[in-house]
Amino acid sequence: MKLEGEAKLLRIFVGESDRHGGRPLYEAIVLEAKRQGLAGATVFKGFMGFGAHSRIHTAKVLQLSEDLPVMVEIVDEEERIRDFLPVLEGMMREGLVTLERVEVIRYRS
C-alpha cells in the first residue's frame, strides 16, 4: 500500500480497562482497523490523565490505577477513515475521538 501527501490522523482516547467483545477496546479497534485494510494503527499507553469524568488516572505507585489512559492512532486517506467512524462509534461507550489533517512524508510496506 502506498500512502503519501494529505491524509487523516484519527486519535482515539479510551481507558485501559474499556472492553469490547470480550477483549480490551484498544485491541478490538486495532484488529478491526486491520480487518478493514486501513494503512496502520498504533497504541500508546499513558502514565497519567483524566477525561470527561475528571477522575485522575495515574501509574504512580501510591495511587495505583487499573484504568490508565490509552490512545490509538490510525492514519489513512480521509475517505477510509470516515468509513471507519461508524464502526468505531458502535464499539465505544465513552472516550474521545479526534480527527486532524496530516501530511504523510513516507509510508512504504
Protein backbone atom coordinates (compact mmCIF):
# COMPACT_ATOMS: atom_id res chain seq x y z
CA MET A 1 0.00 0.00 0.00
CA LYS A 2 1.22 3.48 -0.84
CA LEU A 3 0.15 6.49 1.20
CA GLU A 4 1.63 9.93 0.53
CA GLY A 5 0.62 13.54 0.84
CA GLU A 6 -2.50 14.69 2.64
CA ALA A 7 -4.15 12.15 4.92
CA LYS A 8 -6.12 12.00 8.17
CA LEU A 9 -4.97 11.09 11.66
CA LEU A 10 -7.67 9.53 13.80
CA ARG A 11 -6.92 9.66 17.54
CA ILE A 12 -8.98 7.60 19.94
CA PHE A 13 -8.64 8.11 23.69
CA VAL A 14 -10.01 5.32 25.90
CA GLY A 15 -9.30 3.71 29.25
CA GLU A 16 -7.08 0.67 29.60
CA SER A 17 -9.94 -1.27 31.22
CA ASP A 18 -12.52 -0.45 28.49
CA ARG A 19 -13.65 -3.60 26.70
CA HIS A 20 -15.45 -4.64 23.53
CA GLY A 21 -16.37 -8.17 22.54
CA GLY A 22 -14.51 -9.73 25.46
CA ARG A 23 -11.16 -8.07 24.75
CA PRO A 24 -9.54 -4.71 25.53
CA LEU A 25 -11.20 -1.96 23.46
CA TYR A 26 -7.87 -0.67 22.12
CA GLU A 27 -7.08 -4.17 20.84
CA ALA A 28 -10.52 -4.56 19.27
CA ILE A 29 -10.09 -1.19 17.50
CA VAL A 30 -6.68 -2.13 16.06
CA LEU A 31 -7.88 -5.55 14.92
CA GLU A 32 -10.95 -4.04 13.23
CA ALA A 33 -8.82 -1.35 11.54
CA LYS A 34 -6.55 -4.11 10.20
CA ARG A 35 -9.54 -6.17 9.08
CA GLN A 36 -10.84 -3.16 7.15
CA GLY A 37 -7.45 -2.67 5.48
CA LEU A 38 -6.55 0.70 7.00
CA ALA A 39 -2.94 1.80 6.48
CA GLY A 40 -1.80 1.41 10.09
CA ALA A 41 -2.60 1.77 13.77
CA THR A 42 -0.51 2.24 16.91
CA VAL A 43 -1.49 2.07 20.58
CA PHE A 44 0.12 4.31 23.21
CA LYS A 45 -0.30 3.83 26.96
CA GLY A 46 -0.36 6.94 29.11
CA PHE A 47 1.15 7.38 32.55
CA MET A 48 -1.37 9.92 33.74
CA GLY A 49 -4.51 11.64 32.53
CA PHE A 50 -8.15 12.50 33.06
CA GLY A 51 -11.19 12.66 30.85
CA ALA A 52 -14.86 13.53 30.84
CA HIS A 53 -15.38 12.33 34.43
CA SER A 54 -12.44 14.49 35.68
CA ARG A 55 -11.05 11.50 37.59
CA ILE A 56 -7.23 11.33 37.62
CA HIS A 57 -5.75 8.07 36.34
CA THR A 58 -2.08 7.60 37.18
CA ALA A 59 0.68 4.99 37.17
CA LYS A 60 2.18 6.31 40.43
CA VAL A 61 2.87 3.52 42.91
CA LEU A 62 0.97 5.19 45.74
CA GLN A 63 -2.06 5.81 43.52
CA LEU A 64 -2.38 2.57 41.58
CA SER A 65 -4.86 2.83 38.76
CA GLU A 66 -6.16 -0.08 36.76
CA ASP A 67 -7.58 2.22 34.12
CA LEU A 68 -4.66 4.15 32.65
CA PRO A 69 -5.27 6.29 29.56
CA VAL A 70 -4.71 4.63 26.19
CA MET A 71 -4.52 6.37 22.81
CA VAL A 72 -4.94 4.65 19.46
CA GLU A 73 -3.69 6.47 16.36
CA ILE A 74 -4.78 5.46 12.87
CA VAL A 75 -3.55 7.18 9.70
CA ASP A 76 -5.07 6.73 6.24
CA GLU A 77 -6.85 8.54 3.44
CA GLU A 78 -9.80 10.66 4.56
CA GLU A 79 -12.46 8.52 2.89
CA ARG A 80 -11.19 5.32 4.52
CA ILE A 81 -11.01 6.97 7.95
CA ARG A 82 -14.52 8.41 7.60
CA ASP A 83 -15.84 4.97 6.58
CA PHE A 84 -14.33 3.58 9.80
CA LEU A 85 -16.00 6.15 12.10
CA PRO A 86 -19.46 4.48 12.29
CA VAL A 87 -17.79 1.15 13.14
CA LEU A 88 -15.76 2.88 15.85
CA GLU A 89 -18.87 4.58 17.22
CA GLY A 90 -20.50 1.17 17.64
CA MET A 91 -17.52 -0.10 19.62
CA MET A 92 -17.16 2.78 22.11
CA ARG A 93 -19.34 3.56 25.12
CA GLU A 94 -17.22 6.52 26.23
CA GLY A 95 -13.96 8.21 25.31
CA LEU A 96 -12.73 10.92 22.97
CA VAL A 97 -12.22 10.76 19.21
CA THR A 98 -10.38 13.45 17.25
CA LEU A 99 -9.56 13.80 13.58
CA GLU A 100 -6.88 16.00 12.09
CA ARG A 101 -5.19 16.62 8.78
CA VAL A 102 -1.64 15.32 8.41
CA GLU A 103 0.93 15.17 5.66
CA VAL A 104 2.43 11.73 5.10
CA ILE A 105 6.08 12.09 4.17
CA ARG A 106 6.96 8.41 3.95
CA TYR A 107 4.94 5.19 4.19
CA ARG A 108 6.11 2.06 2.43
CA SER A 109 5.42 -1.60 3.01
